[in-house]
Amino acid sequence: MLEIVGIDLIDISSNLPFLVNMNVIFVGGISVAVPTLISPIGNLAEESRGVAVSLYAILCIGFFIFSCKNERKITPVNVSDKNL
């Protein structure tokens, strides 16, 4: 939850010290969230803990790559275009 607050507040300011502080909050939130998600996966997998955590990491990387590739591109609008 902390990472969501940090990344949302990064978007609303151009003040450098504020941006640095929000980045620290964002990274702190991620550093708390990742072990919190990996721990139950390791507990559920029992003996195959290493394989389960590796597959989870591969899925996370795959989702990240997929979301970056499918990011909607914003195209500039020509002001002189009559079809607006």
PDB file of N, CA and C in Angstrom:
ATOM      1  N   MET A   1       0.815  -1.187   0.000  1.00  0.00           N
ATOM      2  CA  MET A   1       0.000   0.000   0.000  1.00  0.00           C
ATOM      3  C   MET A   1       0.865   1.260   0.000  1.00  0.00           C
ATOM      4  N   LEU A   2       1.988   1.161   0.685  1.00  0.00           N
ATOM      5  CA  LEU A   2       2.896   2.302   0.775  1.00  0.00           C
ATOM      6  C   LEU A   2       3.463   2.666  -0.592  1.00  0.00           C
ATOM      7  N   GLU A   3       3.739   1.648  -1.413  1.00  0.00           N
ATOM      8  CA  GLU A   3       4.279   1.924  -2.748  1.00  0.00           C
ATOM      9  C   GLU A   3       3.275   2.652  -3.622  1.00  0.00           C
ATOM     10  N   ILE A   4       2.003   2.384  -3.446  1.00  0.00           N
ATOM     11  CA  ILE A   4       0.964   3.055  -4.232  1.00  0.00           C
ATOM     12  C   ILE A   4       0.910   4.532  -3.868  1.00  0.00           C
ATOM     13  N   VAL A   5       0.987   4.830  -2.587  1.00  0.00           N
ATOM     14  CA  VAL A   5       0.980   6.226  -2.139  1.00  0.00           C
ATOM     15  C   VAL A   5       2.204   6.952  -2.681  1.00  0.00           C
ATOM     16  N   GLY A   6       3.373   6.317  -2.591  1.00  0.00           N
ATOM     17  CA  GLY A   6       4.595   6.944  -3.077  1.00  0.00           C
ATOM     18  C   GLY A   6       4.559   7.232  -4.556  1.00  0.00           C
ATOM     19  N   ILE A   7       4.121   6.283  -5.357  1.00  0.00           N
ATOM     20  CA  ILE A   7       4.104   6.487  -6.812  1.00  0.00           C
ATOM     21  C   ILE A   7       3.027   7.486  -7.220  1.00  0.00           C
ATOM     22  N   ASP A   8       1.911   7.521  -6.497  1.00  0.00           N
ATOM     23  CA  ASP A   8       0.863   8.502  -6.810  1.00  0.00           C
ATOM     24  C   ASP A   8       1.322   9.921  -6.494  1.00  0.00           C
ATOM     25  N   LEU A   9       2.027  10.087  -5.399  1.00  0.00           N
ATOM     26  CA  LEU A   9       2.487  11.419  -5.024  1.00  0.00           C
ATOM     27  C   LEU A   9       3.640  11.901  -5.899  1.00  0.00           C
ATOM     28  N   ILE A  10       4.362  10.984  -6.531  1.00  0.00           N
ATOM     29  CA  ILE A  10       5.432  11.388  -7.450  1.00  0.00           C
ATOM     30  C   ILE A  10       4.846  12.147  -8.633  1.00  0.00           C
ATOM     31  N   ASP A  11       3.656  11.756  -9.069  1.00  0.00           N
ATOM     32  CA  ASP A  11       3.044  12.359 -10.252  1.00  0.00           C
ATOM     33  C   ASP A  11       2.563  13.789 -10.041  1.00  0.00           C
ATOM     34  N   ILE A  12       2.382  14.218  -8.807  1.00  0.00           N
ATOM     35  CA  ILE A  12       1.734  15.514  -8.601  1.00  0.00           C
ATOM     36  C   ILE A  12       2.693  16.651  -8.293  1.00  0.00           C
ATOM     37  N   SER A  13       4.002  16.400  -8.295  1.00  0.00           N
ATOM     38  CA  SER A  13       4.933  17.450  -7.915  1.00  0.00           C
ATOM     39  C   SER A  13       6.134  17.482  -8.843  1.00  0.00           C
ATOM     40  N   SER A  14       6.741  18.668  -8.923  1.00  0.00           N
ATOM     41  CA  SER A  14       7.999  18.796  -9.661  1.00  0.00           C
ATOM     42  C   SER A  14       9.105  19.287  -8.738  1.00  0.00           C
ATOM     43  N   ASN A  15       8.848  19.317  -7.435  1.00  0.00           N
ATOM     44  CA  ASN A  15       9.820  19.720  -6.441  1.00  0.00           C
ATOM     45  C   ASN A  15      10.792  18.562  -6.195  1.00  0.00           C
ATOM     46  N   LEU A  16      12.090  18.782  -6.436  1.00  0.00           N
ATOM     47  CA  LEU A  16      13.070  17.697  -6.377  1.00  0.00           C
ATOM     48  C   LEU A  16      13.170  17.019  -5.010  1.00  0.00           C
ATOM     49  N   PRO A  17      13.267  17.748  -3.902  1.00  0.00           N
ATOM     50  CA  PRO A  17      13.331  17.049  -2.606  1.00  0.00           C
ATOM     51  C   PRO A  17      12.075  16.216  -2.326  1.00  0.00           C
ATOM     52  N   PHE A  18      10.928  16.715  -2.731  1.00  0.00           N
ATOM     53  CA  PHE A  18       9.681  15.958  -2.558  1.00  0.00           C
ATOM     54  C   PHE A  18       9.710  14.684  -3.390  1.00  0.00           C
ATOM     55  N   LEU A  19      10.191  14.786  -4.637  1.00  0.00           N
ATOM     56  CA  LEU A  19      10.268  13.616  -5.508  1.00  0.00           C
ATOM     57  C   LEU A  19      11.227  12.566  -4.942  1.00  0.00           C
ATOM     58  N   VAL A  20      12.347  13.014  -4.403  1.00  0.00           N
ATOM     59  CA  VAL A  20      13.300  12.076  -3.812  1.00  0.00           C
ATOM     60  C   VAL A  20      12.666  11.358  -2.626  1.00  0.00           C
ATOM     61  N   ASN A  21      11.976  12.101  -1.771  1.00  0.00           N
ATOM     62  CA  ASN A  21      11.312  11.486  -0.618  1.00  0.00           C
ATOM     63  C   ASN A  21      10.230  10.502  -1.045  1.00  0.00           C
ATOM     64  N   MET A  22       9.464  10.835  -2.060  1.00  0.00           N
ATOM     65  CA  MET A  22       8.414   9.933  -2.519  1.00  0.00           C
ATOM     66  C   MET A  22       9.007   8.685  -3.162  1.00  0.00           C
ATOM     67  N   ASN A  23      10.162   8.833  -3.830  1.00  0.00           N
ATOM     68  CA  ASN A  23      10.837   7.653  -4.380  1.00  0.00           C
ATOM     69  C   ASN A  23      11.326   6.739  -3.268  1.00  0.00           C
ATOM     70  N   VAL A  24      11.810   7.311  -2.180  1.00  0.00           N
ATOM     71  CA  VAL A  24      12.248   6.508  -1.039  1.00  0.00           C
ATOM     72  C   VAL A  24      11.050   5.762  -0.447  1.00  0.00           C
ATOM     73  N   ILE A  25       9.906   6.428  -0.342  1.00  0.00           N
ATOM     74  CA  ILE A  25       8.695   5.772   0.167  1.00  0.00           C
ATOM     75  C   ILE A  25       8.258   4.659  -0.782  1.00  0.00           C
ATOM     76  N   PHE A  26       8.326   4.914  -2.079  1.00  0.00           N
ATOM     77  CA  PHE A  26       7.940   3.905  -3.069  1.00  0.00           C
ATOM     78  C   PHE A  26       8.839   2.664  -2.966  1.00  0.00           C
ATOM     79  N   VAL A  27      10.142   2.868  -2.921  1.00  0.00           N
ATOM     80  CA  VAL A  27      11.080   1.742  -2.829  1.00  0.00           C
ATOM     81  C   VAL A  27      10.901   1.011  -1.505  1.00  0.00           C
ATOM     82  N   GLY A  28      10.649   1.761  -0.429  1.00  0.00           N
ATOM     83  CA  GLY A  28      10.388   1.130   0.863  1.00  0.00           C
ATOM     84  C   GLY A  28       9.144   0.262   0.828  1.00  0.00           C
ATOM     85  N   GLY A  29       8.112   0.745   0.161  1.00  0.00           N
ATOM     86  CA  GLY A  29       6.884  -0.044   0.033  1.00  0.00           C
ATOM     87  C   GLY A  29       7.099  -1.315  -0.761  1.00  0.00           C
ATOM     88  N   ILE A  30       7.863  -1.218  -1.834  1.00  0.00           N
ATOM     89  CA  ILE A  30       8.175  -2.405  -2.637  1.00  0.00           C
ATOM     90  C   ILE A  30       8.998  -3.394  -1.816  1.00  0.00           C
ATOM     91  N   SER A  31       9.946  -2.872  -1.030  1.00  0.00           N
ATOM     92  CA  SER A  31      10.797  -3.772  -0.251  1.00  0.00           C
ATOM     93  C   SER A  31      10.024  -4.477   0.858  1.00  0.00           C
ATOM     94  N   VAL A  32       8.894  -3.936   1.256  1.00  0.00           N
ATOM     95  CA  VAL A  32       8.035  -4.612   2.231  1.00  0.00           C
ATOM     96  C   VAL A  32       7.069  -5.563   1.525  1.00  0.00           C
ATOM     97  N   ALA A  33       6.566  -5.154   0.363  1.00  0.00           N
ATOM     98  CA  ALA A  33       5.539  -5.939  -0.333  1.00  0.00           C
ATOM     99  C   ALA A  33       6.082  -7.234  -0.918  1.00  0.00           C
ATOM    100  N   VAL A  34       7.262  -7.204  -1.502  1.00  0.00           N
ATOM    101  CA  VAL A  34       7.789  -8.401  -2.181  1.00  0.00           C
ATOM    102  C   VAL A  34       8.010  -9.566  -1.209  1.00  0.00           C
ATOM    103  N   PRO A  35       8.695  -9.377  -0.086  1.00  0.00           N
ATOM    104  CA  PRO A  35       8.829 -10.512   0.839  1.00  0.00           C
ATOM    105  C   PRO A  35       7.491 -10.973   1.420  1.00  0.00           C
ATOM    106  N   THR A  36       6.568 -10.030   1.588  1.00  0.00           N
ATOM    107  CA  THR A  36       5.246 -10.393   2.096  1.00  0.00           C
ATOM    108  C   THR A  36       4.506 -11.298   1.115  1.00  0.00           C
ATOM    109  N   LEU A  37       4.732 -11.105  -0.177  1.00  0.00           N
ATOM    110  CA  LEU A  37       4.096 -11.953  -1.186  1.00  0.00           C
ATOM    111  C   LEU A  37       4.841 -13.272  -1.379  1.00  0.00           C
ATOM    112  N   ILE A  38       6.148 -13.240  -1.259  1.00  0.00           N
ATOM    113  CA  ILE A  38       6.935 -14.449  -1.498  1.00  0.00           C
ATOM    114  C   ILE A  38       6.826 -15.434  -0.332  1.00  0.00           C
ATOM    115  N   SER A  39       6.692 -14.950   0.871  1.00  0.00           N
ATOM    116  CA  SER A  39       6.624 -15.824   2.045  1.00  0.00           C
ATOM    117  C   SER A  39       5.473 -16.829   1.982  1.00  0.00           C
ATOM    118  N   PRO A  40       4.224 -16.410   1.687  1.00  0.00           N
ATOM    119  CA  PRO A  40       3.151 -17.406   1.589  1.00  0.00           C
ATOM    120  C   PRO A  40       3.354 -18.400   0.448  1.00  0.00           C
ATOM    121  N   ILE A  41       3.959 -17.944  -0.639  1.00  0.00           N
ATOM    122  CA  ILE A  41       4.218 -18.855  -1.758  1.00  0.00           C
ATOM    123  C   ILE A  41       5.195 -19.939  -1.324  1.00  0.00           C
ATOM    124  N   GLY A  42       6.250 -19.538  -0.608  1.00  0.00           N
ATOM    125  CA  GLY A  42       7.212 -20.515  -0.106  1.00  0.00           C
ATOM    126  C   GLY A  42       6.593 -21.471   0.898  1.00  0.00           C
ATOM    127  N   ASN A  43       5.699 -20.964   1.743  1.00  0.00           N
ATOM    128  CA  ASN A  43       5.043 -21.828   2.730  1.00  0.00           C
ATOM    129  C   ASN A  43       4.091 -22.819   2.082  1.00  0.00           C
ATOM    130  N   LEU A  44       3.390 -22.397   1.059  1.00  0.00           N
ATOM    131  CA  LEU A  44       2.457 -23.294   0.371  1.00  0.00           C
ATOM    132  C   LEU A  44       3.186 -24.367  -0.433  1.00  0.00           C
ATOM    133  N   ALA A  45       4.355 -24.032  -0.952  1.00  0.00           N
ATOM    134  CA  ALA A  45       5.078 -24.969  -1.802  1.00  0.00           C
ATOM    135  C   ALA A  45       5.801 -26.057  -1.006  1.00  0.00           C
ATOM    136  N   GLU A  46       6.050 -25.827   0.255  1.00  0.00           N
ATOM    137  CA  GLU A  46       6.742 -26.748   1.159  1.00  0.00           C
ATOM    138  C   GLU A  46       8.073 -27.218   0.597  1.00  0.00           C
ATOM    139  N   GLU A  47       8.156 -28.412   0.064  1.00  0.00           N
ATOM    140  CA  GLU A  47       9.430 -28.970  -0.379  1.00  0.00           C
ATOM    141  C   GLU A  47       9.924 -28.363  -1.688  1.00  0.00           C
ATOM    142  N   SER A  48       9.020 -27.861  -2.506  1.00  0.00           N
ATOM    143  CA  SER A  48       9.403 -27.276  -3.795  1.00  0.00           C
ATOM    144  C   SER A  48       9.480 -25.755  -3.692  1.00  0.00           C
ATOM    145  N   ARG A  49       9.957 -25.277  -2.582  1.00  0.00           N
ATOM    146  CA  ARG A  49       9.971 -23.841  -2.298  1.00  0.00           C
ATOM    147  C   ARG A  49      10.775 -23.057  -3.329  1.00  0.00           C
ATOM    148  N   GLY A  50      11.940 -23.549  -3.689  1.00  0.00           N
ATOM    149  CA  GLY A  50      12.794 -22.851  -4.649  1.00  0.00           C
ATOM    150  C   GLY A  50      12.151 -22.734  -6.018  1.00  0.00           C
ATOM    151  N   VAL A  51      11.533 -23.811  -6.465  1.00  0.00           N
ATOM    152  CA  VAL A  51      10.860 -23.809  -7.773  1.00  0.00           C
ATOM    153  C   VAL A  51       9.678 -22.845  -7.757  1.00  0.00           C
ATOM    154  N   ALA A  52       8.909 -22.856  -6.673  1.00  0.00           N
ATOM    155  CA  ALA A  52       7.730 -21.991  -6.586  1.00  0.00           C
ATOM    156  C   ALA A  52       8.118 -20.518  -6.602  1.00  0.00           C
ATOM    157  N   VAL A  53       9.135 -20.155  -5.849  1.00  0.00           N
ATOM    158  CA  VAL A  53       9.570 -18.752  -5.814  1.00  0.00           C
ATOM    159  C   VAL A  53      10.158 -18.351  -7.165  1.00  0.00           C
ATOM    160  N   SER A  54      10.887 -19.258  -7.820  1.00  0.00           N
ATOM    161  CA  SER A  54      11.432 -18.963  -9.152  1.00  0.00           C
ATOM    162  C   SER A  54      10.324 -18.747 -10.166  1.00  0.00           C
ATOM    163  N   LEU A  55       9.310 -19.600 -10.151  1.00  0.00           N
ATOM    164  CA  LEU A  55       8.185 -19.424 -11.076  1.00  0.00           C
ATOM    165  C   LEU A  55       7.439 -18.128 -10.803  1.00  0.00           C
ATOM    166  N   TYR A  56       7.292 -17.786  -9.516  1.00  0.00           N
ATOM    167  CA  TYR A  56       6.643 -16.532  -9.162  1.00  0.00           C
ATOM    168  C   TYR A  56       7.438 -15.349  -9.717  1.00  0.00           C
ATOM    169  N   ALA A  57       8.756 -15.399  -9.586  1.00  0.00           N
ATOM    170  CA  ALA A  57       9.603 -14.321 -10.101  1.00  0.00           C
ATOM    171  C   ALA A  57       9.499 -14.220 -11.614  1.00  0.00           C
ATOM    172  N   ILE A  58       9.483 -15.367 -12.291  1.00  0.00           N
ATOM    173  CA  ILE A  58       9.358 -15.366 -13.754  1.00  0.00           C
ATOM    174  C   ILE A  58       8.011 -14.780 -14.168  1.00  0.00           C
ATOM    175  N   LEU A  59       6.953 -15.130 -13.454  1.00  0.00           N
ATOM    176  CA  LEU A  59       5.634 -14.565 -13.758  1.00  0.00           C
ATOM    177  C   LEU A  59       5.617 -13.055 -13.556  1.00  0.00           C
ATOM    178  N   CYS A  60       6.229 -12.582 -12.488  1.00  0.00           N
ATOM    179  CA  CYS A  60       6.269 -11.136 -12.237  1.00  0.00           C
ATOM    180  C   CYS A  60       7.027 -10.409 -13.344  1.00  0.00           C
ATOM    181  N   ILE A  61       8.161 -10.969 -13.751  1.00  0.00           N
ATOM    182  CA  ILE A  61       8.934 -10.357 -14.831  1.00  0.00           C
ATOM    183  C   ILE A  61       8.137 -10.391 -16.130  1.00  0.00           C
ATOM    184  N   GLY A  62       7.450 -11.492 -16.386  1.00  0.00           N
ATOM    185  CA  GLY A  62       6.620 -11.595 -17.592  1.00  0.00           C
ATOM    186  C   GLY A  62       5.500 -10.579 -17.606  1.00  0.00           C
ATOM    187  N   PHE A  63       4.837 -10.414 -16.476  1.00  0.00           N
ATOM    188  CA  PHE A  63       3.764  -9.406 -16.405  1.00  0.00           C
ATOM    189  C   PHE A  63       4.316  -8.002 -16.604  1.00  0.00           C
ATOM    190  N   PHE A  64       5.507  -7.736 -16.058  1.00  0.00           N
ATOM    191  CA  PHE A  64       6.126  -6.426 -16.228  1.00  0.00           C
ATOM    192  C   PHE A  64       6.441  -6.157 -17.695  1.00  0.00           C
ATOM    193  N   ILE A  65       7.040  -7.133 -18.365  1.00  0.00           N
ATOM    194  CA  ILE A  65       7.375  -6.967 -19.789  1.00  0.00           C
ATOM    195  C   ILE A  65       6.109  -6.806 -20.611  1.00  0.00           C
ATOM    196  N   PHE A  66       5.087  -7.612 -20.317  1.00  0.00           N
ATOM    197  CA  PHE A  66       3.827  -7.516 -21.048  1.00  0.00           C
ATOM    198  C   PHE A  66       3.190  -6.146 -20.860  1.00  0.00           C
ATOM    199  N   SER A  67       3.206  -5.617 -19.640  1.00  0.00           N
ATOM    200  CA  SER A  67       2.579  -4.321 -19.401  1.00  0.00           C
ATOM    201  C   SER A  67       3.364  -3.202 -20.060  1.00  0.00           C
ATOM    202  N   CYS A  68       4.687  -3.338 -20.146  1.00  0.00           N
ATOM    203  CA  CYS A  68       5.485  -2.308 -20.819  1.00  0.00           C
ATOM    204  C   CYS A  68       5.266  -2.331 -22.325  1.00  0.00           C
ATOM    205  N   LYS A  69       5.130  -3.515 -22.892  1.00  0.00           N
ATOM    206  CA  LYS A  69       4.924  -3.621 -24.341  1.00  0.00           C
ATOM    207  C   LYS A  69       3.545  -3.118 -24.754  1.00  0.00           C
ATOM    208  N   ASN A  70       2.563  -3.313 -23.903  1.00  0.00           N
ATOM    209  CA  ASN A  70       1.201  -2.930 -24.240  1.00  0.00           C
ATOM    210  C   ASN A  70       0.799  -1.579 -23.664  1.00  0.00           C
ATOM    211  N   GLU A  71       1.791  -0.805 -23.249  1.00  0.00           N
ATOM    212  CA  GLU A  71       1.490   0.513 -22.717  1.00  0.00           C
ATOM    213  C   GLU A  71       0.928   1.379 -23.837  1.00  0.00           C
ATOM    214  N   ARG A  72      -0.136   2.052 -23.532  1.00  0.00           N
ATOM    215  CA  ARG A  72      -0.805   2.867 -24.535  1.00  0.00           C
ATOM    216  C   ARG A  72       0.051   4.078 -24.870  1.00  0.00           C
ATOM    217  N   LYS A  73       0.310   4.259 -26.135  1.00  0.00           N
ATOM    218  CA  LYS A  73       1.112   5.388 -26.585  1.00  0.00           C
ATOM    219  C   LYS A  73       0.207   6.598 -26.801  1.00  0.00           C
ATOM    220  N   ILE A  74       0.645   7.740 -26.304  1.00  0.00           N
ATOM    221  CA  ILE A  74      -0.112   8.976 -26.475  1.00  0.00           C
ATOM    222  C   ILE A  74       0.442   9.688 -27.695  1.00  0.00           C
ATOM    223  N   THR A  75      -0.414   9.931 -28.654  1.00  0.00           N
ATOM    224  CA  THR A  75       0.025  10.611 -29.856  1.00  0.00           C
ATOM    225  C   THR A  75      -0.432  12.063 -29.803  1.00  0.00           C
ATOM    226  N   PRO A  76       0.441  12.976 -30.192  1.00  0.00           N
ATOM    227  CA  PRO A  76       0.055  14.388 -30.163  1.00  0.00           C
ATOM    228  C   PRO A  76      -1.027  14.692 -31.193  1.00  0.00           C
ATOM    229  N   VAL A  77      -1.888  15.605 -30.861  1.00  0.00           N
ATOM    230  CA  VAL A  77      -2.968  15.999 -31.752  1.00  0.00           C
ATOM    231  C   VAL A  77      -2.559  17.267 -32.466  1.00  0.00           C
ATOM    232  N   ASN A  78      -2.736  17.282 -33.766  1.00  0.00           N
ATOM    233  CA  ASN A  78      -2.437  18.459 -34.553  1.00  0.00           C
ATOM    234  C   ASN A  78      -3.565  19.468 -34.363  1.00  0.00           C
ATOM    235  N   VAL A  79      -3.219  20.654 -33.871  1.00  0.00           N
ATOM    236  CA  VAL A  79      -4.229  21.681 -33.587  1.00  0.00           C
ATOM    237  C   VAL A  79      -4.910  22.157 -34.859  1.00  0.00           C
ATOM    238  N   SER A  80      -4.210  22.143 -35.978  1.00  0.00           N
ATOM    239  CA  SER A  80      -4.796  22.614 -37.217  1.00  0.00           C
ATOM    240  C   SER A  80      -5.679  21.579 -37.898  1.00  0.00           C
ATOM    241  N   ASP A  81      -5.796  20.395 -37.300  1.00  0.00           N
ATOM    242  CA  ASP A  81      -6.628  19.332 -37.859  1.00  0.00           C
ATOM    243  C   ASP A  81      -8.098  19.718 -37.766  1.00  0.00           C
ATOM    244  N   LYS A  82      -8.820  19.684 -38.857  1.00  0.00           N
ATOM    245  CA  LYS A  82     -10.221  20.091 -38.899  1.00  0.00           C
ATOM    246  C   LYS A  82     -11.154  18.998 -38.433  1.00  0.00           C
ATOM    247  N   ASN A  83     -10.647  17.765 -38.245  1.00  0.00           N
ATOM    248  CA  ASN A  83     -11.513  16.632 -37.877  1.00  0.00           C
ATOM    249  C   ASN A  83     -11.639  16.455 -36.369  1.00  0.00           C
ATOM    250  N   LEU A  84     -11.336  17.475 -35.603  1.00  0.00           N
ATOM    251  CA  LEU A  84     -11.479  17.366 -34.151  1.00  0.00           C
ATOM    252  C   LEU A  84     -12.908  17.464 -33.836  1.00  0.00           C
TER     253      LEU A  84
END
